């Protein structure tokens, strides 16, 4: 009915997936994977998995947090004309507000009362997997390349460590990653970290003072002189670092380090700062320089066997997914004066710019035969090219045809909170038993509507 291509469908977090009933509905409608609300606890995730063991569950593990349930925020559309539900979130919750009580008394002034810290569940991954999660979501909208490199590497290493001792879990794709730097999530954009409601409700989840990135804590100001600061701390600074601190009004201020001499910082411009202020580094010059270069590679493990035959030699490469190619090389057999084993292994293992890395190389010769390096190199190139071609041939893209379904939606009435924006969505919900369907808020604003729903 929706005339969709035959691809697996995922239910976005914008569909407000908080209950087993909602997830079960999407599963029966033909959706293979469901992205759960950020606000769910481990217990709630586990209950959904028990009720829907066949559907893949995806959860957010890192990045910016919305104070409202996803798909249930209309403040941006109401006040700034841009809707988060249409992919145009204006970051309304990062603005500053005054908190005034019923008697008109100002309790807090010019604070970012709706701004949350950033999510970081890198220490909870094993618990999430055990709860039934099969896909991890890292929020990365408008983030820089260095952020993506750093955060994905951190989670990749955490997952690999779990997989190494938990064989029941496995990577979703081929190959293994090698990194040329040490991932450190606190060096990338963050407003401070929280696991949110994963283990229940905690107070320290907000970032009231600023919606900007604090970065990593570096130390405290010990002394302020005319053109430099003396810092007490154990972490080294670099020329060109970006440093920030909270002033006496709680506002975030910052400066660039022009030169570092031991524990003395010479700013480009001297800030108005007092001793004992905590300093944070939200731009690490050396770390960013490292990430500007090649920082990682992923290689697929292969084994190679070079053997002799009646006409010369045979070379076989087999990858970790059991794809295998064999090539014959008609070539005269000349006895070598010295052992060629290590030289041959070295040549067959030079996989360079190919997507492969040699995990094991076997040589099955009756005698030590001599094969020139140039011949081995050409033989190796032909074999690896054939293996790449074989992988393309054997790769099967997952397909899924969405057939019409008519099972009941959990509710028979959908208000503006259902975000039904077009005739196809209306027809879909009517087919599933919804009898009263209101238009989306973006289509027809509702007077005195609740604009945010929070946990």
Protein backbone atom coordinates (compact mmCIF):
# COMPACT_ATOMS: atom_id res chain seq x y z
CA UNK A 1 0.00 0.00 0.00
CA UNK A 2 2.86 2.40 0.81
CA UNK A 3 4.83 1.36 -2.31
CA UNK A 4 8.09 0.97 -0.41
CA UNK A 5 11.29 -0.60 -1.80
CA UNK A 6 12.06 -4.12 -0.47
CA UNK A 7 14.35 -3.00 2.35
CA UNK A 8 14.23 -3.75 6.09
CA UNK A 9 12.32 -1.06 7.98
CA UNK A 10 13.35 0.50 11.29
CA UNK A 11 10.94 2.34 13.58
CA UNK A 12 12.60 5.63 14.55
CA UNK A 13 12.75 6.93 18.10
CA UNK A 14 10.43 9.66 16.75
CA UNK A 15 7.63 7.07 16.90
CA UNK A 16 7.91 7.26 20.73
CA UNK A 17 8.70 3.64 21.56
CA UNK A 18 8.40 3.16 25.33
CA UNK A 19 6.24 0.07 25.85
CA UNK A 20 6.21 -3.61 24.86
CA UNK A 21 2.80 -3.03 23.23
CA UNK A 22 4.16 -0.32 20.93
CA UNK A 23 7.23 -2.34 19.95
CA UNK A 24 5.08 -5.42 19.36
CA UNK A 25 2.87 -3.39 17.04
CA UNK A 26 5.82 -2.33 14.88
CA UNK A 27 7.14 -5.88 14.79
CA UNK A 28 3.79 -7.25 13.58
CA UNK A 29 3.62 -4.43 11.02
CA UNK A 30 6.83 -5.76 9.47
CA UNK A 31 9.48 -3.57 11.08
CA UNK A 32 12.71 -5.44 11.73
CA UNK A 33 14.27 -3.00 14.21
CA UNK A 34 12.91 -0.50 16.72
CA UNK A 35 14.78 2.45 18.24
CA UNK A 36 13.74 2.80 21.88
CA UNK A 37 13.21 6.02 23.81
CA UNK A 38 16.33 7.35 25.55
CA UNK A 39 14.47 7.54 28.86
CA UNK A 40 13.99 3.79 29.37
CA UNK A 41 15.69 1.98 32.22
CA UNK A 42 17.52 -1.34 31.94
CA UNK A 43 14.52 -3.05 33.52
CA UNK A 44 12.14 -1.54 30.95
CA UNK A 45 14.44 -2.50 28.06
CA UNK A 46 14.66 -6.05 29.39
CA UNK A 47 10.85 -6.28 29.66
CA UNK A 48 10.44 -5.14 26.05
CA UNK A 49 12.96 -7.74 24.87
CA UNK A 50 11.16 -10.51 26.76
CA UNK A 51 7.85 -9.49 25.19
CA UNK A 52 9.34 -9.06 21.69
CA UNK A 53 12.36 -11.41 21.46
CA UNK A 54 12.36 -11.49 17.64
CA UNK A 55 12.67 -7.75 17.00
CA UNK A 56 16.07 -6.03 17.08
CA UNK A 57 16.27 -3.31 19.72
CA UNK A 58 18.38 -0.20 19.19
CA UNK A 59 19.25 2.20 22.01
CA UNK A 60 21.06 5.51 22.30
CA UNK A 61 24.40 5.20 24.07
CA UNK A 62 26.17 8.51 23.47
CA UNK A 63 25.58 12.13 22.57
CA UNK A 64 23.11 14.94 23.11
CA UNK A 65 19.97 14.34 25.18
CA UNK A 66 16.54 15.84 24.57
CA UNK A 67 14.68 16.91 27.69
CA UNK A 68 11.46 15.75 26.01
CA UNK A 69 10.57 12.30 24.78
CA UNK A 70 11.53 12.11 21.11
CA UNK A 71 8.56 12.81 18.87
CA UNK A 72 6.76 14.57 21.71
CA UNK A 73 8.37 18.04 21.60
CA UNK A 74 6.52 20.89 19.91
CA UNK A 75 8.18 23.87 21.62
CA UNK A 76 10.50 24.64 18.71
CA UNK A 77 7.59 24.75 16.26
CA UNK A 78 5.42 26.82 18.61
CA UNK A 79 8.00 29.48 19.51
CA UNK A 80 10.60 29.44 16.75
CA UNK A 81 8.72 28.02 13.76
CA UNK A 82 10.98 24.97 13.33
CA UNK A 83 9.85 21.47 14.21
CA UNK A 84 12.02 18.76 15.73
CA UNK A 85 9.55 16.25 14.30
CA UNK A 86 10.42 17.44 10.80
CA UNK A 87 14.19 17.27 11.34
CA UNK A 88 14.57 20.99 12.08
CA UNK A 89 15.08 21.12 15.85
CA UNK A 90 16.04 24.72 16.80
CA UNK A 91 17.55 23.62 20.15
CA UNK A 92 14.84 25.36 22.17
CA UNK A 93 15.86 23.41 25.28
CA UNK A 94 19.37 24.91 25.15
CA UNK A 95 18.08 28.47 25.64
CA UNK A 96 18.30 30.33 28.96
CA UNK A 97 15.20 30.93 31.11
CA UNK A 98 14.13 32.46 34.41
CA UNK A 99 12.40 30.28 37.01
CA UNK A 100 9.57 32.18 38.71
CA UNK A 101 7.25 30.74 41.35
CA UNK A 102 3.48 31.20 41.66
CA UNK A 103 3.96 34.35 43.73
CA UNK A 104 6.16 36.00 41.12
CA UNK A 105 9.42 35.44 42.99
CA UNK A 106 12.44 34.74 40.77
CA UNK A 107 14.11 31.55 41.97
CA UNK A 108 16.69 31.21 39.17
CA UNK A 109 17.68 33.76 36.58
CA UNK A 110 19.16 33.34 33.12
CA UNK A 111 19.85 29.62 33.54
CA UNK A 112 19.60 26.84 30.96
CA UNK A 113 16.86 25.07 32.87
CA UNK A 114 15.99 22.53 30.17
CA UNK A 115 19.54 21.70 29.10
CA UNK A 116 20.74 18.20 29.94
CA UNK A 117 24.22 16.73 30.11
CA UNK A 118 25.30 14.43 27.32
CA UNK A 119 24.69 10.70 27.32
CA UNK A 120 27.62 8.35 27.91
CA UNK A 121 26.86 4.66 28.42
CA UNK A 122 30.25 3.32 27.44
CA UNK A 123 30.51 1.68 30.86
CA UNK A 124 27.07 0.03 30.57
CA UNK A 125 27.42 -1.79 27.25
CA UNK A 126 27.55 -5.33 28.61
CA UNK A 127 24.43 -4.74 30.70
CA UNK A 128 22.65 -3.37 27.63
CA UNK A 129 23.61 -6.41 25.56
CA UNK A 130 22.44 -8.73 28.32
CA UNK A 131 19.13 -6.84 28.44
CA UNK A 132 18.52 -7.68 24.77
CA UNK A 133 19.96 -4.70 22.89
CA UNK A 134 21.45 -5.54 19.48
CA UNK A 135 22.22 -2.10 18.05
CA UNK A 136 23.87 0.95 19.61
CA UNK A 137 23.06 4.48 18.47
CA UNK A 138 25.53 7.37 18.76
CA UNK A 139 23.98 10.80 18.28
CA UNK A 140 26.20 12.74 15.90
CA UNK A 141 24.17 15.46 14.21
CA UNK A 142 26.41 18.33 13.04
CA UNK A 143 29.41 16.80 14.83
CA UNK A 144 32.93 17.15 13.44
CA UNK A 145 34.99 14.34 11.92
CA UNK A 146 37.27 14.21 14.96
CA UNK A 147 34.23 13.66 17.22
CA UNK A 148 33.04 10.74 15.08
CA UNK A 149 36.51 9.17 15.00
CA UNK A 150 37.05 9.48 18.75
CA UNK A 151 33.65 8.32 19.99
CA UNK A 152 33.17 5.42 17.57
CA UNK A 153 36.68 4.17 18.35
CA UNK A 154 35.97 4.28 22.09
CA UNK A 155 32.82 2.18 21.72
CA UNK A 156 34.44 -0.19 19.22
CA UNK A 157 37.21 -0.99 21.71
CA UNK A 158 34.71 -1.46 24.55
CA UNK A 159 32.64 -3.85 22.44
CA UNK A 160 35.66 -5.82 21.24
CA UNK A 161 36.77 -6.33 24.85
CA UNK A 162 33.31 -7.72 25.68
CA UNK A 163 33.25 -9.97 22.60
CA UNK A 164 36.69 -11.37 23.47
CA UNK A 165 35.32 -12.94 26.67
CA UNK A 166 31.67 -13.38 25.69
CA UNK A 167 31.61 -15.65 22.59
CA UNK A 168 27.80 -15.55 22.47
CA UNK A 169 28.12 -11.99 21.15
CA UNK A 170 29.65 -11.18 17.76
CA UNK A 171 30.32 -8.27 15.44
CA UNK A 172 27.61 -7.41 12.93
CA UNK A 173 30.12 -6.98 10.10
CA UNK A 174 33.40 -8.44 8.86
CA UNK A 175 36.87 -7.32 9.82
CA UNK A 176 38.61 -5.95 12.89
CA UNK A 177 39.62 -2.37 13.63
CA UNK A 178 43.08 -1.13 14.46
CA UNK A 179 43.47 2.36 15.92
CA UNK A 180 46.48 4.66 15.79
CA UNK A 181 45.42 6.77 18.78
CA UNK A 182 43.95 6.32 22.25
CA UNK A 183 40.22 7.21 22.23
CA UNK A 184 39.15 9.60 25.00
CA UNK A 185 35.46 10.61 24.93
CA UNK A 186 35.96 13.52 27.35
CA UNK A 187 38.19 15.22 24.75
CA UNK A 188 35.29 15.54 22.29
CA UNK A 189 32.29 17.86 22.58
CA UNK A 190 30.35 17.17 25.75
CA UNK A 191 28.33 19.02 28.36
CA UNK A 192 29.38 16.61 31.07
CA UNK A 193 28.20 13.00 31.06
CA UNK A 194 25.28 11.03 32.45
CA UNK A 195 23.79 7.55 31.97
CA UNK A 196 20.38 9.28 32.24
CA UNK A 197 17.61 7.01 33.60
CA UNK A 198 19.28 3.69 32.79
CA UNK A 199 19.64 2.80 36.48
CA UNK A 200 16.82 4.95 37.82
CA UNK A 201 16.35 8.64 38.52
CA UNK A 202 19.34 10.75 39.57
CA UNK A 203 19.59 14.48 40.24
CA UNK A 204 22.85 15.23 38.45
CA UNK A 205 21.66 15.05 34.84
CA UNK A 206 21.35 18.76 34.02
CA UNK A 207 23.71 21.34 32.56
CA UNK A 208 22.07 24.49 33.95
CA UNK A 209 25.05 26.83 33.62
CA UNK A 210 25.82 26.35 29.94
CA UNK A 211 24.74 24.30 26.92
CA UNK A 212 28.27 24.50 25.54
CA UNK A 213 31.05 21.95 25.75
CA UNK A 214 33.11 21.88 28.93
CA UNK A 215 35.55 19.23 27.78
CA UNK A 216 37.97 17.54 30.17
CA UNK A 217 38.84 18.88 33.62
CA UNK A 218 42.50 19.94 33.68
CA UNK A 219 43.21 21.51 37.06
CA UNK A 220 42.73 24.70 39.06
CA UNK A 221 44.21 28.18 38.77
CA UNK A 222 46.90 28.60 41.40
CA UNK A 223 48.16 32.09 40.59
CA UNK A 224 47.26 34.91 38.18
CA UNK A 225 50.05 37.21 36.92
CA UNK A 226 50.15 39.96 34.32
CA UNK A 227 50.57 37.70 31.29
CA UNK A 228 50.31 34.13 32.52
CA UNK A 229 48.47 31.73 34.83
CA UNK A 230 49.98 29.10 37.08
CA UNK A 231 47.92 25.91 37.13
CA UNK A 232 47.76 23.14 39.69
CA UNK A 233 47.06 19.82 37.96
CA UNK A 234 48.62 16.66 36.57
CA UNK A 235 47.48 16.80 32.93
CA UNK A 236 49.82 18.50 30.43
CA UNK A 237 48.66 21.44 28.31
CA UNK A 238 49.65 22.10 24.68
CA UNK A 239 50.30 25.25 22.71
CA UNK A 240 47.05 26.16 20.95
CA UNK A 241 44.70 24.49 23.47
CA UNK A 242 41.24 25.93 24.04
CA UNK A 243 40.51 26.42 27.76
CA UNK A 244 37.24 27.35 29.47
CA UNK A 245 36.00 28.06 32.99
CA UNK A 246 32.88 29.28 34.77
CA UNK A 247 33.02 32.90 35.89
CA UNK A 248 31.58 34.23 39.14
CA UNK A 249 28.12 34.38 37.53
CA UNK A 250 28.29 30.77 36.41
CA UNK A 251 28.76 31.72 32.75
CA UNK A 252 31.22 29.86 30.58
CA UNK A 253 34.26 31.89 29.54
CA UNK A 254 37.30 30.82 27.60
CA UNK A 255 40.72 31.61 26.18
CA UNK A 256 43.35 30.15 23.86
CA UNK A 257 46.76 29.11 25.14
CA UNK A 258 49.49 30.80 23.16
CA UNK A 259 52.42 29.15 24.96
CA UNK A 260 52.97 26.56 27.68
CA UNK A 261 55.97 26.48 30.00
CA UNK A 262 55.62 23.74 32.60
CA UNK A 263 52.58 24.64 34.70
CA UNK A 264 52.47 28.19 33.33
CA UNK A 265 49.92 29.10 30.66
CA UNK A 266 50.46 32.19 28.52
CA UNK A 267 47.04 33.06 27.00
CA UNK A 268 46.62 34.87 23.72
CA UNK A 269 44.60 37.41 25.73
CA UNK A 270 44.61 37.41 29.53
CA UNK A 271 41.18 36.41 30.88
CA UNK A 272 39.47 37.94 33.90
CA UNK A 273 39.87 34.95 36.17
CA UNK A 274 40.42 34.37 39.87
CA UNK A 275 42.62 31.82 41.62
CA UNK A 276 41.02 28.46 42.49
CA UNK A 277 38.88 28.45 39.36
CA UNK A 278 38.59 25.00 37.76
CA UNK A 279 39.92 24.88 34.20
CA UNK A 280 38.54 22.65 31.45
CA UNK A 281 40.05 21.92 28.06
CA UNK A 282 37.44 21.82 25.30
CA UNK A 283 39.97 21.87 22.47
CA UNK A 284 43.11 19.72 22.66
CA UNK A 285 45.44 20.91 19.91
CA UNK A 286 47.63 17.80 19.87
CA UNK A 287 44.69 15.39 20.02
CA UNK A 288 42.89 17.15 17.17
CA UNK A 289 46.10 17.11 15.12
CA UNK A 290 46.38 13.35 15.67
CA UNK A 291 42.80 12.81 14.53
CA UNK A 292 43.33 14.93 11.41
CA UNK A 293 45.58 12.16 10.10
CA UNK A 294 44.75 8.53 9.41
CA UNK A 295 43.55 7.27 12.76
CA UNK A 296 42.13 3.80 12.11
CA UNK A 297 41.80 0.98 9.63
CA UNK A 298 39.61 -2.08 9.37
CA UNK A 299 40.98 -5.27 7.87
CA UNK A 300 39.44 -8.66 7.08
CA UNK A 301 41.48 -11.64 8.27
CA UNK A 302 42.66 -14.12 5.63
CA UNK A 303 44.72 -17.29 5.59
CA UNK A 304 46.98 -18.19 2.66
CA UNK A 305 48.36 -21.51 1.43
CA UNK A 306 51.04 -21.85 -1.24
CA UNK A 307 51.44 -25.42 -2.49
CA UNK A 308 53.10 -27.18 -5.39
CA UNK A 309 51.39 -29.08 -8.21
CA UNK A 310 52.46 -30.96 -11.33
CA UNK A 311 52.68 -27.77 -13.40
CA UNK A 312 54.11 -25.36 -10.84
CA UNK A 313 52.33 -23.85 -7.86
CA UNK A 314 48.87 -23.07 -6.44
CA UNK A 315 47.93 -20.17 -4.16
CA UNK A 316 44.76 -20.12 -2.05
CA UNK A 317 43.42 -17.21 0.02
CA UNK A 318 40.47 -17.80 2.38
CA UNK A 319 38.86 -14.96 4.34
CA UNK A 320 37.16 -15.02 7.74
CA UNK A 321 33.75 -15.36 6.06
CA UNK A 322 34.85 -18.59 4.29
CA UNK A 323 35.15 -16.97 0.87
CA UNK A 324 38.01 -18.70 -0.92
CA UNK A 325 39.89 -18.36 -4.22
CA UNK A 326 42.65 -20.55 -5.69
CA UNK A 327 44.98 -19.70 -8.57
CA UNK A 328 47.46 -21.89 -10.41
CA UNK A 329 50.86 -20.63 -11.51
CA UNK A 330 52.63 -22.67 -14.19
CA UNK A 331 56.26 -22.11 -13.29
CA UNK A 332 59.48 -24.16 -13.35
CA UNK A 333 60.60 -25.63 -10.03
CA UNK A 334 64.13 -24.55 -9.22
CA UNK A 335 65.73 -25.63 -5.97
CA UNK A 336 66.73 -22.76 -3.71
CA UNK A 337 70.22 -22.51 -2.24
CA UNK A 338 68.82 -21.36 1.11
CA UNK A 339 65.47 -21.70 2.85
CA UNK A 340 62.80 -19.53 1.21
CA UNK A 341 60.07 -20.05 3.80
CA UNK A 342 60.29 -16.71 5.59
CA UNK A 343 60.78 -14.76 2.37
CA UNK A 344 57.72 -16.37 0.76
CA UNK A 345 55.59 -15.75 3.86
CA UNK A 346 56.70 -12.12 3.93
CA UNK A 347 55.73 -11.61 0.28
CA UNK A 348 52.34 -13.32 0.59
CA UNK A 349 51.60 -11.29 3.73
CA UNK A 350 52.21 -7.92 2.06
CA UNK A 351 48.54 -7.08 1.61
CA UNK A 352 49.10 -3.31 1.76
CA UNK A 353 46.15 -1.32 0.42
CA UNK A 354 43.88 -4.35 0.13
CA UNK A 355 41.08 -4.80 2.70
CA UNK A 356 42.86 -7.90 4.05
CA UNK A 357 45.39 -8.81 6.69
CA UNK A 358 47.21 -12.15 6.80
CA UNK A 359 46.34 -14.15 9.91
CA UNK A 360 48.06 -17.37 8.83
CA UNK A 361 50.32 -18.39 5.94
CA UNK A 362 51.17 -22.03 5.16
CA UNK A 363 53.68 -23.36 2.64
CA UNK A 364 53.20 -26.92 1.43
CA UNK A 365 56.37 -27.80 -0.52
CA UNK A 366 58.16 -31.13 -0.84
CA UNK A 367 61.42 -29.19 -1.22
CA UNK A 368 62.64 -25.61 -0.94
CA UNK A 369 61.68 -24.11 -4.29
CA UNK A 370 62.87 -20.73 -5.49
CA UNK A 371 60.23 -18.27 -6.75
CA UNK A 372 61.34 -14.71 -7.61
CA UNK A 373 59.89 -11.90 -5.49
CA UNK A 374 58.34 -10.25 -8.56
CA UNK A 375 56.52 -13.47 -9.47
CA UNK A 376 55.22 -13.92 -5.91
CA UNK A 377 54.03 -10.29 -5.79
CA UNK A 378 52.11 -10.61 -9.07
CA UNK A 379 50.63 -13.94 -7.94
CA UNK A 380 49.53 -12.37 -4.64
CA UNK A 381 47.92 -9.36 -6.38
CA UNK A 382 45.92 -11.59 -8.72
CA UNK A 383 44.69 -13.74 -5.84
CA UNK A 384 43.61 -10.82 -3.63
CA UNK A 385 41.82 -9.15 -6.55
CA UNK A 386 39.94 -12.40 -7.15
CA UNK A 387 39.05 -12.59 -3.45
CA UNK A 388 37.63 -9.05 -3.48
CA UNK A 389 35.55 -10.01 -6.53
CA UNK A 390 34.37 -13.19 -4.79
CA UNK A 391 33.22 -11.19 -1.76
CA UNK A 392 31.17 -8.91 -4.01
CA UNK A 393 29.55 -11.91 -5.69
CA UNK A 394 28.67 -13.70 -2.45
CA UNK A 395 27.41 -10.56 -0.67
CA UNK A 396 23.65 -10.63 -0.25
CA UNK A 397 21.83 -7.43 0.54
CA UNK A 398 19.05 -8.01 3.03
CA UNK A 399 15.62 -7.55 1.48
CA UNK A 400 12.18 -7.48 3.03
CA UNK A 401 8.85 -6.83 1.38
CA UNK A 402 6.37 -5.01 3.61
CA UNK A 403 2.99 -6.67 3.23
CA UNK A 404 -0.25 -4.95 4.31
CA UNK A 405 -1.23 -5.67 7.92
CA UNK A 406 -4.41 -4.91 9.85
CA UNK A 407 -3.67 -5.75 13.49
CA UNK A 408 -4.86 -3.17 16.04
CA UNK A 409 -2.75 -0.18 17.08
CA UNK A 410 -2.47 0.14 20.90
CA UNK A 411 -4.85 3.15 20.81
CA UNK A 412 -8.02 3.95 18.86
CA UNK A 413 -7.55 7.73 19.12
CA UNK A 414 -4.51 9.68 17.92
CA UNK A 415 -4.32 13.34 18.92
CA UNK A 416 -1.68 15.74 17.60
CA UNK A 417 0.79 13.65 19.63
CA UNK A 418 0.57 10.95 16.95
CA UNK A 419 2.32 13.27 14.45
CA UNK A 420 0.09 12.13 11.57
CA UNK A 421 1.04 14.53 8.79
CA UNK A 422 -0.19 13.08 5.48
CA UNK A 423 -2.88 10.94 3.88
CA UNK A 424 -0.70 7.83 3.69
CA UNK A 425 -0.04 7.93 7.44
CA UNK A 426 -3.75 8.47 8.04
CA UNK A 427 -4.63 5.45 5.89
CA UNK A 428 -2.00 3.33 7.68
CA UNK A 429 -3.45 4.03 11.12
CA UNK A 430 -7.04 3.57 9.93
CA UNK A 431 -6.06 0.14 8.59
CA UNK A 432 -4.88 -0.65 12.12
CA UNK A 433 -8.05 0.28 13.94
CA UNK A 434 -7.53 3.96 14.81
CA UNK A 435 -10.92 5.63 14.38
CA UNK A 436 -10.20 9.20 15.48
CA UNK A 437 -7.08 10.75 13.91
CA UNK A 438 -6.12 14.37 14.52
CA UNK A 439 -3.64 16.22 12.27
CA UNK A 440 -0.05 16.79 13.37
CA UNK A 441 0.73 19.92 15.38
CA UNK A 442 2.89 21.22 12.53
CA UNK A 443 -0.09 20.93 10.22
CA UNK A 444 -2.71 22.35 12.57
CA UNK A 445 -1.42 23.93 15.83
CA UNK A 446 -3.53 23.17 18.89
CA UNK A 447 -4.41 26.01 21.26
CA UNK A 448 -3.01 25.59 24.78
CA UNK A 449 -1.38 22.32 23.75
CA UNK A 450 1.22 20.69 25.96
CA UNK A 451 4.48 21.35 24.11
CA UNK A 452 6.82 18.95 25.90
CA UNK A 453 6.48 15.59 27.60
CA UNK A 454 9.32 14.65 29.92
CA UNK A 455 10.04 11.76 32.25
